[in-house]
Amino acid sequence: MMRKLLRCENGTGMVEFALVAPFLVLVFMGLLELGRYTYYSILAAHAARAAAAYGSQNTTSVKDTTGMQNVAVADGGNLTTWTTNGQGAVSAQPLCSVNGSALSTCGANASSPPANTVYYVSVTVTGRFHTLVHYPGLPDDVWVSGSSTMRVSGQ
């Protein structure tokens, strides 16, 4: 009788599934979090691009950081993760290139800019990605950022 019970394979599939199921759930949750993180990264990049497009309209809009922040938050779907302590997490900086040189910080409102000056605007959007579940050994908040640089068209 004991030999017959030891050779019986009924229920082994259930035992194997019970051992593997927690691992499968962990892998599924990891893929879900990775997908959410990728979505927020793309959202940050698009928000930065929209803000840079707004800032690159002319030399006046380059200085309108509040407008660029509003555009970035609106493009990001008014997500609360784009703000830190009520302050916009959008940084915009005017850049310039003189005679084809590398981009450097410059004053977009200079009264007499050098000849052959081309203005650019660089925008960086940062926010926090919050995980759905607390994973031991991993942070619950991860910074997400996107940046874009565009040439100012109305010069």
N, C-alpha and C. Protein backbone atom coordinates (compact mmCIF):
# COMPACT_ATOMS: atom_id res chain seq x y z
N MET A 1 0.82 -1.18 0.00
CA MET A 1 0.00 0.00 0.00
C MET A 1 0.88 1.27 0.00
N MET A 2 1.92 1.30 0.79
CA MET A 2 2.81 2.46 0.88
C MET A 2 3.53 2.70 -0.44
N ARG A 3 3.95 1.63 -1.12
CA ARG A 3 4.62 1.78 -2.40
C ARG A 3 3.70 2.39 -3.43
N LYS A 4 2.47 2.00 -3.38
CA LYS A 4 1.49 2.52 -4.33
C LYS A 4 1.28 4.02 -4.11
N LEU A 5 1.26 4.47 -2.87
CA LEU A 5 1.09 5.89 -2.58
C LEU A 5 2.33 6.71 -2.98
N LEU A 6 3.51 6.15 -2.82
CA LEU A 6 4.73 6.85 -3.18
C LEU A 6 4.86 7.03 -4.69
N ARG A 7 4.33 6.10 -5.49
CA ARG A 7 4.40 6.19 -6.94
C ARG A 7 3.28 7.03 -7.54
N CYS A 8 2.31 7.36 -6.80
CA CYS A 8 1.15 8.12 -7.28
C CYS A 8 1.57 9.55 -7.62
N GLU A 9 1.19 10.02 -8.80
CA GLU A 9 1.56 11.36 -9.24
C GLU A 9 0.35 12.30 -9.27
N ASN A 10 -0.74 11.92 -8.71
CA ASN A 10 -1.91 12.80 -8.67
C ASN A 10 -1.63 14.01 -7.78
N GLY A 11 -1.91 15.21 -8.31
CA GLY A 11 -1.74 16.42 -7.52
C GLY A 11 -0.36 17.05 -7.61
N THR A 12 0.58 16.46 -8.33
CA THR A 12 1.92 17.05 -8.42
C THR A 12 1.90 18.37 -9.19
N GLY A 13 1.02 18.48 -10.18
CA GLY A 13 0.90 19.73 -10.92
C GLY A 13 0.44 20.87 -10.03
N MET A 14 -0.48 20.57 -9.11
CA MET A 14 -0.95 21.59 -8.18
C MET A 14 0.16 22.03 -7.23
N VAL A 15 0.95 21.10 -6.77
CA VAL A 15 2.04 21.43 -5.88
C VAL A 15 3.09 22.28 -6.61
N GLU A 16 3.41 21.91 -7.84
CA GLU A 16 4.37 22.69 -8.62
C GLU A 16 3.85 24.11 -8.88
N PHE A 17 2.57 24.21 -9.21
CA PHE A 17 2.00 25.53 -9.44
C PHE A 17 2.00 26.35 -8.16
N ALA A 18 1.72 25.75 -7.04
CA ALA A 18 1.73 26.46 -5.76
C ALA A 18 3.13 26.97 -5.42
N LEU A 19 4.15 26.26 -5.84
CA LEU A 19 5.52 26.71 -5.60
C LEU A 19 5.94 27.82 -6.56
N VAL A 20 5.44 27.80 -7.79
CA VAL A 20 5.85 28.75 -8.81
C VAL A 20 4.97 30.01 -8.82
N ALA A 21 3.74 29.94 -8.35
CA ALA A 21 2.79 31.04 -8.42
C ALA A 21 3.31 32.34 -7.79
N PRO A 22 3.90 32.32 -6.59
CA PRO A 22 4.41 33.58 -6.04
C PRO A 22 5.47 34.24 -6.93
N PHE A 23 6.32 33.44 -7.53
CA PHE A 23 7.33 33.98 -8.44
C PHE A 23 6.68 34.60 -9.67
N LEU A 24 5.65 33.94 -10.22
CA LEU A 24 4.95 34.48 -11.38
C LEU A 24 4.25 35.80 -11.05
N VAL A 25 3.67 35.90 -9.87
CA VAL A 25 3.01 37.14 -9.45
C VAL A 25 4.06 38.25 -9.31
N LEU A 26 5.21 37.94 -8.73
CA LEU A 26 6.27 38.93 -8.57
C LEU A 26 6.78 39.42 -9.93
N VAL A 27 6.96 38.53 -10.89
CA VAL A 27 7.40 38.90 -12.23
C VAL A 27 6.33 39.77 -12.90
N PHE A 28 5.07 39.41 -12.77
CA PHE A 28 3.98 40.19 -13.35
C PHE A 28 3.93 41.60 -12.76
N MET A 29 4.07 41.71 -11.45
CA MET A 29 4.06 43.03 -10.81
C MET A 29 5.27 43.86 -11.24
N GLY A 30 6.42 43.23 -11.40
CA GLY A 30 7.61 43.93 -11.88
C GLY A 30 7.42 44.46 -13.29
N LEU A 31 6.81 43.65 -14.15
CA LEU A 31 6.54 44.12 -15.52
C LEU A 31 5.53 45.25 -15.53
N LEU A 32 4.56 45.18 -14.66
CA LEU A 32 3.57 46.25 -14.55
C LEU A 32 4.23 47.56 -14.11
N GLU A 33 5.09 47.50 -13.11
CA GLU A 33 5.80 48.69 -12.64
C GLU A 33 6.76 49.22 -13.70
N LEU A 34 7.43 48.36 -14.41
CA LEU A 34 8.33 48.78 -15.49
C LEU A 34 7.55 49.50 -16.59
N GLY A 35 6.40 48.98 -16.94
CA GLY A 35 5.55 49.62 -17.92
C GLY A 35 5.08 51.00 -17.46
N ARG A 36 4.69 51.12 -16.21
CA ARG A 36 4.27 52.41 -15.66
C ARG A 36 5.43 53.40 -15.66
N TYR A 37 6.62 52.96 -15.27
CA TYR A 37 7.79 53.83 -15.26
C TYR A 37 8.10 54.33 -16.68
N THR A 38 8.02 53.43 -17.66
CA THR A 38 8.26 53.81 -19.05
C THR A 38 7.23 54.83 -19.51
N TYR A 39 5.98 54.63 -19.13
CA TYR A 39 4.92 55.58 -19.49
C TYR A 39 5.21 56.96 -18.92
N TYR A 40 5.60 57.03 -17.66
CA TYR A 40 5.91 58.32 -17.04
C TYR A 40 7.15 58.96 -17.66
N SER A 41 8.12 58.17 -18.07
CA SER A 41 9.31 58.71 -18.74
C SER A 41 8.94 59.32 -20.08
N ILE A 42 8.09 58.65 -20.83
CA ILE A 42 7.64 59.18 -22.11
C ILE A 42 6.82 60.44 -21.89
N LEU A 43 5.98 60.43 -20.86
CA LEU A 43 5.16 61.60 -20.54
C LEU A 43 6.04 62.80 -20.18
N ALA A 44 7.11 62.57 -19.44
CA ALA A 44 8.04 63.66 -19.09
C ALA A 44 8.74 64.20 -20.33
N ALA A 45 9.14 63.32 -21.23
CA ALA A 45 9.81 63.76 -22.46
C ALA A 45 8.86 64.59 -23.33
N HIS A 46 7.61 64.16 -23.42
CA HIS A 46 6.63 64.91 -24.23
C HIS A 46 6.31 66.26 -23.59
N ALA A 47 6.22 66.30 -22.27
CA ALA A 47 5.95 67.56 -21.58
C ALA A 47 7.11 68.54 -21.79
N ALA A 48 8.33 68.04 -21.74
CA ALA A 48 9.49 68.90 -21.98
C ALA A 48 9.50 69.41 -23.41
N ARG A 49 9.14 68.56 -24.34
CA ARG A 49 9.10 68.98 -25.75
C ARG A 49 8.03 70.05 -25.96
N ALA A 50 6.86 69.88 -25.35
CA ALA A 50 5.79 70.88 -25.49
C ALA A 50 6.20 72.21 -24.88
N ALA A 51 6.86 72.18 -23.72
CA ALA A 51 7.31 73.42 -23.08
C ALA A 51 8.40 74.09 -23.92
N ALA A 52 9.30 73.30 -24.50
CA ALA A 52 10.35 73.87 -25.35
C ALA A 52 9.74 74.46 -26.62
N ALA A 53 8.72 73.83 -27.15
CA ALA A 53 8.05 74.36 -28.34
C ALA A 53 7.39 75.70 -28.02
N TYR A 54 6.81 75.80 -26.84
CA TYR A 54 6.22 77.08 -26.42
C TYR A 54 7.32 78.14 -26.25
N GLY A 55 8.40 77.78 -25.62
CA GLY A 55 9.48 78.73 -25.37
C GLY A 55 10.25 79.12 -26.60
N SER A 56 10.19 78.33 -27.66
CA SER A 56 10.98 78.61 -28.86
C SER A 56 10.22 79.45 -29.89
N GLN A 57 9.06 79.98 -29.52
CA GLN A 57 8.29 80.79 -30.47
C GLN A 57 9.01 82.08 -30.85
N ASN A 58 9.53 82.78 -29.86
CA ASN A 58 10.26 84.03 -30.12
C ASN A 58 11.12 84.35 -28.90
N THR A 59 11.88 85.44 -28.96
CA THR A 59 12.79 85.77 -27.86
C THR A 59 12.04 86.22 -26.61
N THR A 60 10.79 86.61 -26.73
CA THR A 60 10.00 86.96 -25.55
C THR A 60 9.54 85.72 -24.81
N SER A 61 9.09 84.69 -25.55
CA SER A 61 8.60 83.47 -24.90
C SER A 61 9.73 82.67 -24.25
N VAL A 62 10.99 82.91 -24.65
CA VAL A 62 12.12 82.23 -24.03
C VAL A 62 12.20 82.58 -22.54
N LYS A 63 11.83 83.81 -22.20
CA LYS A 63 11.91 84.27 -20.81
C LYS A 63 10.68 83.93 -19.99
N ASP A 64 9.63 83.39 -20.62
CA ASP A 64 8.36 83.09 -19.94
C ASP A 64 8.41 81.70 -19.31
N THR A 65 9.15 81.56 -18.21
CA THR A 65 9.26 80.24 -17.57
C THR A 65 7.94 79.80 -16.97
N THR A 66 7.12 80.72 -16.49
CA THR A 66 5.81 80.36 -15.95
C THR A 66 4.93 79.76 -17.04
N GLY A 67 4.96 80.36 -18.21
CA GLY A 67 4.19 79.82 -19.33
C GLY A 67 4.67 78.44 -19.73
N MET A 68 6.00 78.24 -19.73
CA MET A 68 6.54 76.93 -20.07
C MET A 68 6.16 75.89 -19.02
N GLN A 69 6.16 76.29 -17.73
CA GLN A 69 5.72 75.38 -16.67
C GLN A 69 4.26 74.99 -16.87
N ASN A 70 3.42 75.96 -17.18
CA ASN A 70 2.00 75.68 -17.38
C ASN A 70 1.78 74.74 -18.56
N VAL A 71 2.52 74.94 -19.63
CA VAL A 71 2.40 74.08 -20.81
C VAL A 71 2.85 72.66 -20.47
N ALA A 72 3.96 72.53 -19.73
CA ALA A 72 4.47 71.21 -19.38
C ALA A 72 3.48 70.46 -18.48
N VAL A 73 2.92 71.16 -17.49
CA VAL A 73 1.96 70.51 -16.58
C VAL A 73 0.70 70.14 -17.34
N ALA A 74 0.23 71.02 -18.24
CA ALA A 74 -0.97 70.71 -19.02
C ALA A 74 -0.72 69.54 -19.96
N ASP A 75 0.45 69.49 -20.58
CA ASP A 75 0.76 68.38 -21.48
C ASP A 75 0.94 67.08 -20.71
N GLY A 76 1.39 67.18 -19.47
CA GLY A 76 1.56 66.00 -18.64
C GLY A 76 0.27 65.52 -18.02
N GLY A 77 -0.86 66.07 -18.43
CA GLY A 77 -2.14 65.62 -17.92
C GLY A 77 -2.42 66.14 -16.52
N ASN A 78 -1.81 67.30 -16.16
CA ASN A 78 -1.98 67.87 -14.82
C ASN A 78 -1.67 66.86 -13.71
N LEU A 79 -0.68 66.05 -13.94
CA LEU A 79 -0.28 65.07 -12.93
C LEU A 79 0.39 65.76 -11.76
N THR A 80 0.04 65.35 -10.57
CA THR A 80 0.61 65.98 -9.37
C THR A 80 2.08 65.63 -9.20
N THR A 81 2.56 64.61 -9.88
CA THR A 81 3.96 64.22 -9.73
C THR A 81 4.90 65.21 -10.38
N TRP A 82 4.40 66.15 -11.20
CA TRP A 82 5.27 67.11 -11.85
C TRP A 82 5.55 68.30 -10.96
N THR A 83 5.00 68.35 -9.77
CA THR A 83 5.24 69.48 -8.89
C THR A 83 5.91 68.99 -7.61
N THR A 84 6.77 69.82 -7.06
CA THR A 84 7.41 69.50 -5.79
C THR A 84 7.17 70.65 -4.83
N ASN A 85 6.50 70.39 -3.76
CA ASN A 85 6.18 71.41 -2.75
C ASN A 85 5.46 72.61 -3.35
N GLY A 86 4.58 72.36 -4.32
CA GLY A 86 3.83 73.43 -4.93
C GLY A 86 4.60 74.21 -5.98
N GLN A 87 5.88 73.94 -6.15
CA GLN A 87 6.68 74.64 -7.16
C GLN A 87 6.75 73.78 -8.42
N GLY A 88 6.76 74.43 -9.54
CA GLY A 88 6.86 73.69 -10.79
C GLY A 88 8.19 72.99 -10.92
N ALA A 89 8.17 71.79 -11.38
CA ALA A 89 9.40 71.02 -11.54
C ALA A 89 9.89 71.12 -12.98
N VAL A 90 9.74 72.30 -13.55
CA VAL A 90 10.16 72.55 -14.92
C VAL A 90 11.25 73.62 -14.88
N SER A 91 12.40 73.31 -15.43
CA SER A 91 13.45 74.32 -15.49
C SER A 91 13.72 74.64 -16.95
N ALA A 92 13.74 75.92 -17.26
CA ALA A 92 13.99 76.38 -18.62
C ALA A 92 15.18 77.32 -18.61
N GLN A 93 16.00 77.20 -19.63
CA GLN A 93 17.21 78.02 -19.69
C GLN A 93 17.45 78.45 -21.14
N PRO A 94 17.60 79.77 -21.36
CA PRO A 94 17.96 80.21 -22.71
C PRO A 94 19.44 79.94 -22.97
N LEU A 95 19.73 79.46 -24.16
CA LEU A 95 21.11 79.19 -24.58
C LEU A 95 21.36 79.92 -25.89
N CYS A 96 22.63 80.11 -26.22
CA CYS A 96 22.93 80.75 -27.50
C CYS A 96 24.19 80.15 -28.11
N SER A 97 24.27 80.37 -29.41
CA SER A 97 25.44 79.92 -30.17
C SER A 97 25.86 81.09 -31.05
N VAL A 98 27.11 81.50 -30.93
CA VAL A 98 27.62 82.62 -31.73
C VAL A 98 28.54 82.05 -32.80
N ASN A 99 28.23 82.35 -34.05
CA ASN A 99 29.02 81.88 -35.20
C ASN A 99 29.17 80.37 -35.22
N GLY A 100 28.15 79.65 -34.85
CA GLY A 100 28.16 78.19 -34.91
C GLY A 100 28.92 77.52 -33.78
N SER A 101 29.24 78.24 -32.72
CA SER A 101 29.97 77.64 -31.60
C SER A 101 29.02 76.74 -30.79
N ALA A 102 29.58 76.06 -29.81
CA ALA A 102 28.79 75.18 -28.96
C ALA A 102 27.80 76.01 -28.15
N LEU A 103 26.69 75.39 -27.75
CA LEU A 103 25.68 76.08 -26.96
C LEU A 103 26.24 76.46 -25.60
N SER A 104 25.91 77.69 -25.18
CA SER A 104 26.34 78.16 -23.87
C SER A 104 25.25 79.06 -23.31
N THR A 105 25.33 79.31 -22.00
CA THR A 105 24.37 80.18 -21.35
C THR A 105 24.56 81.61 -21.83
N CYS A 106 23.46 82.27 -22.12
CA CYS A 106 23.55 83.65 -22.56
C CYS A 106 22.29 84.39 -22.14
N GLY A 107 22.35 85.69 -22.21
CA GLY A 107 21.18 86.50 -21.88
C GLY A 107 20.33 86.71 -23.11
N ALA A 108 19.11 86.17 -23.11
CA ALA A 108 18.23 86.33 -24.27
C ALA A 108 17.73 87.75 -24.39
N ASN A 109 17.89 88.54 -23.34
CA ASN A 109 17.39 89.91 -23.38
C ASN A 109 18.53 90.93 -23.51
N ALA A 110 19.66 90.51 -24.02
CA ALA A 110 20.78 91.44 -24.18
C ALA A 110 20.40 92.53 -25.16
N SER A 111 20.80 93.77 -24.86
CA SER A 111 20.41 94.90 -25.70
C SER A 111 21.08 94.85 -27.07
N SER A 112 22.33 94.42 -27.12
CA SER A 112 23.01 94.32 -28.41
C SER A 112 23.76 92.99 -28.47
N PRO A 113 23.08 91.92 -28.90
CA PRO A 113 23.75 90.62 -28.96
C PRO A 113 24.78 90.61 -30.08
N PRO A 114 25.79 89.76 -29.95
CA PRO A 114 26.80 89.67 -31.00
C PRO A 114 26.17 89.25 -32.33
N ALA A 115 26.84 89.59 -33.41
CA ALA A 115 26.34 89.20 -34.73
C ALA A 115 26.34 87.68 -34.85
N ASN A 116 25.45 87.16 -35.65
CA ASN A 116 25.32 85.71 -35.90
C ASN A 116 25.00 84.93 -34.63
N THR A 117 24.21 85.51 -33.73
CA THR A 117 23.80 84.82 -32.52
C THR A 117 22.51 84.06 -32.79
N VAL A 118 22.49 82.79 -32.45
CA VAL A 118 21.30 81.96 -32.60
C VAL A 118 20.88 81.53 -31.20
N TYR A 119 19.61 81.79 -30.84
CA TYR A 119 19.10 81.47 -29.51
C TYR A 119 18.41 80.11 -29.51
N TYR A 120 18.55 79.43 -28.38
CA TYR A 120 17.90 78.15 -28.15
C TYR A 120 17.26 78.20 -26.77
N VAL A 121 16.33 77.28 -26.53
CA VAL A 121 15.75 77.12 -25.19
C VAL A 121 15.88 75.65 -24.82
N SER A 122 16.34 75.42 -23.61
CA SER A 122 16.49 74.06 -23.09
C SER A 122 15.56 73.90 -21.89
N VAL A 123 14.70 72.88 -21.94
CA VAL A 123 13.71 72.65 -20.89
C VAL A 123 13.90 71.26 -20.32
N THR A 124 13.88 71.17 -18.99
CA THR A 124 13.95 69.88 -18.30
C THR A 124 12.74 69.76 -17.39
N VAL A 125 12.04 68.65 -17.48
CA VAL A 125 10.86 68.37 -16.65
C VAL A 125 11.22 67.19 -15.75
N THR A 126 11.01 67.35 -14.46
CA THR A 126 11.27 66.25 -13.52
C THR A 126 10.04 66.00 -12.67
N GLY A 127 9.89 64.78 -12.27
CA GLY A 127 8.78 64.39 -11.40
C GLY A 127 9.13 63.11 -10.66
N ARG A 128 8.23 62.68 -9.83
CA ARG A 128 8.45 61.45 -9.07
C ARG A 128 7.50 60.36 -9.53
N PHE A 129 8.05 59.19 -9.69
CA PHE A 129 7.27 58.00 -10.01
C PHE A 129 7.07 57.23 -8.72
N HIS A 130 5.83 57.02 -8.34
CA HIS A 130 5.51 56.28 -7.11
C HIS A 130 5.13 54.84 -7.48
N THR A 131 5.78 53.87 -6.86
CA THR A 131 5.44 52.49 -7.12
C THR A 131 4.10 52.14 -6.47
N LEU A 132 3.44 51.14 -7.03
CA LEU A 132 2.16 50.72 -6.48
C LEU A 132 2.31 49.94 -5.18
N VAL A 133 3.38 49.17 -5.09
CA VAL A 133 3.61 48.29 -3.95
C VAL A 133 5.00 48.58 -3.39
N HIS A 134 5.15 48.48 -2.09
CA HIS A 134 6.48 48.63 -1.48
C HIS A 134 7.25 47.32 -1.67
N TYR A 135 8.38 47.42 -2.36
CA TYR A 135 9.24 46.26 -2.58
C TYR A 135 10.44 46.38 -1.64
N PRO A 136 10.69 45.37 -0.83
CA PRO A 136 11.83 45.44 0.09
C PRO A 136 13.14 45.61 -0.68
N GLY A 137 13.93 46.57 -0.23
CA GLY A 137 15.23 46.82 -0.85
C GLY A 137 15.18 47.77 -2.04
N LEU A 138 13.99 48.18 -2.48
CA LEU A 138 13.87 49.10 -3.61
C LEU A 138 13.17 50.37 -3.14
N PRO A 139 13.53 51.52 -3.71
CA PRO A 139 12.87 52.77 -3.29
C PRO A 139 11.42 52.83 -3.78
N ASP A 140 10.57 53.50 -3.01
CA ASP A 140 9.18 53.68 -3.39
C ASP A 140 9.01 54.80 -4.40
N ASP A 141 9.91 55.79 -4.37
CA ASP A 141 9.87 56.92 -5.29
C ASP A 141 11.13 56.92 -6.15
N VAL A 142 10.93 57.11 -7.45
CA VAL A 142 12.04 57.17 -8.39
C VAL A 142 11.86 58.44 -9.21
N TRP A 143 12.93 59.20 -9.40
CA TRP A 143 12.85 60.41 -10.19
C TRP A 143 12.74 60.07 -11.66
N VAL A 144 11.87 60.79 -12.35
CA VAL A 144 11.68 60.65 -13.79
C VAL A 144 11.93 62.03 -14.40
N SER A 145 12.67 62.09 -15.49
CA SER A 145 12.91 63.38 -16.11
C SER A 145 12.95 63.25 -17.62
N GLY A 146 12.68 64.36 -18.25
CA GLY A 146 12.75 64.46 -19.70
C GLY A 146 13.27 65.83 -20.05
N SER A 147 13.99 65.94 -21.15
CA SER A 147 14.53 67.24 -21.53
C SER A 147 14.43 67.42 -23.04
N SER A 148 14.41 68.67 -23.44
CA SER A 148 14.32 69.00 -24.85
C SER A 148 14.99 70.35 -25.09
N THR A 149 15.68 70.49 -26.21
CA THR A 149 16.31 71.74 -26.60
C THR A 149 15.84 72.08 -28.01
N MET A 150 15.36 73.31 -28.19
CA MET A 150 14.87 73.76 -29.49
C MET A 150 15.43 75.13 -29.83
N ARG A 151 15.56 75.36 -31.12
CA ARG A 151 16.01 76.66 -31.61
C ARG A 151 14.83 77.64 -31.57
N VAL A 152 15.10 78.86 -31.14
CA VAL A 152 14.08 79.90 -31.11
C VAL A 152 13.86 80.37 -32.54
N SER A 153 12.61 80.30 -32.98
CA SER A 153 12.32 80.58 -34.39
C SER A 153 12.17 82.06 -34.71
N GLY A 154 11.56 82.83 -33.83
CA GLY A 154 11.32 84.24 -34.12
C GLY A 154 12.48 85.13 -33.69
N GLN A 155 13.59 85.09 -34.40
CA GLN A 155 14.77 85.86 -34.00
C GLN A 155 14.97 87.03 -34.94
